[in-house]
Amino acid sequence: MTITIQSRKAKARSLQKHVRDIIMGLFTKLTIDDVHSTSMGAQGEDVMLSSRAREFLPIQVECKANQRFSIYKQYKQAQQHGPYEPVLIIRGDNKKALAVVDAKYFFSLFKKLDGENSHRDK
């Protein structure tokens, strides 16, 4: 079965909106102007964050909705969008969306949380 370009773009657009909705649901201080899905074919990040949103999430997001993935190639594309931490969001057909991040960055998030929790205990 051949998937049309229009169908692929619809899947990608759906994933971008899903990521936007997750961010908006978790960071209630942000407004719709702070997080938005970019148009299909636009250069750069797939989910654009305002400078205010980057205070909470210093990342840049690339979304891919495919049956198969070239993770390292697609992660490299996310790296090229700018100076923030690249995050590749992927979702296969009928699968959950997953985030691909640098392992050191991933574990540093827990270290940061641990540091914040230790300050609360004092």
Protein backbone atom coordinates (compact mmCIF):
# COMPACT_ATOMS: atom_id res chain seq x y z
CA MET A 1 0.00 0.00 0.00
CA THR A 2 1.44 3.34 -1.06
CA ILE A 3 1.03 6.26 1.32
CA THR A 4 0.35 9.58 -0.39
CA ILE A 5 2.35 12.72 0.33
CA GLN A 6 -0.83 14.33 1.61
CA SER A 7 -1.34 11.47 4.07
CA ARG A 8 2.27 11.72 5.29
CA LYS A 9 1.93 15.46 5.84
CA ALA A 10 -1.32 14.92 7.76
CA LYS A 11 0.43 12.41 10.07
CA ALA A 12 3.32 14.81 10.65
CA ARG A 13 0.98 17.74 11.29
CA SER A 14 -0.99 15.61 13.77
CA LEU A 15 2.21 14.70 15.65
CA GLN A 16 3.33 18.35 15.81
CA LYS A 17 -0.04 19.35 17.27
CA HIS A 18 0.14 16.44 19.73
CA VAL A 19 3.55 17.66 20.97
CA ARG A 20 2.25 21.24 21.22
CA ASP A 21 -0.73 20.01 23.27
CA ILE A 22 1.53 18.03 25.62
CA ILE A 23 3.69 21.10 26.26
CA MET A 24 0.68 23.37 26.77
CA GLY A 25 -0.89 20.84 29.15
CA LEU A 26 2.24 20.53 31.29
CA PHE A 27 3.33 24.17 31.36
CA THR A 28 0.12 25.98 32.23
CA LYS A 29 1.85 29.38 32.47
CA LEU A 30 2.43 29.33 28.71
CA THR A 31 -0.10 30.72 26.25
CA ILE A 32 -0.94 29.63 22.72
CA ASP A 33 1.42 32.37 21.50
CA ASP A 34 4.32 30.64 23.28
CA VAL A 35 4.04 27.24 21.58
CA HIS A 36 2.87 26.56 18.06
CA SER A 37 3.17 23.96 15.34
CA THR A 38 4.92 25.28 12.24
CA SER A 39 3.52 24.84 8.76
CA MET A 40 4.49 21.80 6.73
CA GLY A 41 7.57 22.40 4.63
CA ALA A 42 8.77 25.35 6.73
CA GLN A 43 12.47 25.44 7.52
CA GLY A 44 13.61 24.95 11.10
CA GLU A 45 11.88 23.58 14.15
CA ASP A 46 8.55 21.77 13.87
CA VAL A 47 7.22 23.09 17.17
CA MET A 48 8.24 26.71 17.64
CA LEU A 49 8.83 27.92 21.20
CA SER A 50 8.87 31.56 22.26
CA SER A 51 11.69 32.94 24.38
CA ARG A 52 9.35 32.65 27.37
CA ALA A 53 8.70 28.96 26.61
CA ARG A 54 12.46 28.37 26.27
CA GLU A 55 12.87 29.44 29.89
CA PHE A 56 11.01 26.22 30.78
CA LEU A 57 12.17 24.13 27.81
CA PRO A 58 15.56 25.08 26.36
CA ILE A 59 15.09 22.61 23.50
CA GLN A 60 14.34 22.54 19.78
CA VAL A 61 11.83 20.00 18.49
CA GLU A 62 11.86 17.97 15.27
CA CYS A 63 8.87 15.66 14.66
CA LYS A 64 8.82 12.57 12.43
CA ALA A 65 5.80 10.35 11.82
CA ASN A 66 6.93 7.34 9.77
CA GLN A 67 6.76 3.60 9.57
CA ARG A 68 10.57 3.41 9.61
CA PHE A 69 13.12 5.77 11.06
CA SER A 70 16.72 6.82 10.43
CA ILE A 71 17.16 7.97 14.01
CA TYR A 72 20.68 9.38 13.78
CA LYS A 73 20.01 11.16 10.49
CA GLN A 74 16.79 12.67 11.84
CA TYR A 75 18.42 13.58 15.17
CA LYS A 76 21.16 15.37 13.21
CA GLN A 77 18.46 17.37 11.46
CA ALA A 78 17.10 18.41 14.88
CA GLN A 79 20.62 19.50 15.91
CA GLN A 80 20.87 21.84 12.95
CA HIS A 81 17.91 24.02 13.98
CA GLY A 82 19.81 26.14 16.48
CA PRO A 83 21.67 26.34 19.77
CA TYR A 84 19.13 24.58 22.01
CA GLU A 85 19.06 20.93 23.05
CA PRO A 86 17.74 18.90 20.11
CA VAL A 87 14.75 16.66 20.78
CA LEU A 88 13.50 14.33 18.07
CA ILE A 89 9.88 13.25 18.50
CA ILE A 90 8.97 10.13 16.53
CA ARG A 91 5.76 8.21 16.16
CA GLY A 92 5.24 5.07 14.12
CA ASP A 93 1.89 3.97 12.77
CA ASN A 94 -0.50 3.28 15.66
CA LYS A 95 2.31 3.76 18.20
CA LYS A 96 3.01 6.15 21.07
CA ALA A 97 5.09 9.25 20.41
CA LEU A 98 8.65 8.88 21.72
CA ALA A 99 11.31 11.48 22.44
CA VAL A 100 14.91 10.88 21.36
CA VAL A 101 17.44 12.95 23.31
CA ASP A 102 21.12 12.78 24.12
CA ALA A 103 21.56 10.33 27.02
CA LYS A 104 23.76 12.72 29.02
CA TYR A 105 21.13 15.45 28.68
CA PHE A 106 18.38 13.01 29.72
CA PHE A 107 20.15 12.04 32.94
CA SER A 108 21.15 15.64 33.68
CA LEU A 109 17.43 16.44 33.92
CA PHE A 110 17.13 14.01 36.83
CA LYS A 111 20.23 15.47 38.45
CA LYS A 112 18.67 18.92 38.17
CA LEU A 113 15.44 17.64 39.74
CA ASP A 114 17.43 15.96 42.50
CA GLY A 115 19.22 19.24 43.17
CA GLU A 116 15.92 21.09 43.38
CA ASN A 117 14.48 18.49 45.75
CA SER A 118 17.51 18.61 48.06
CA HIS A 119 17.05 22.39 48.44
CA ARG A 120 13.46 21.85 49.54
CA ASP A 121 14.52 19.46 52.28
CA LYS A 122 16.69 22.06 53.98
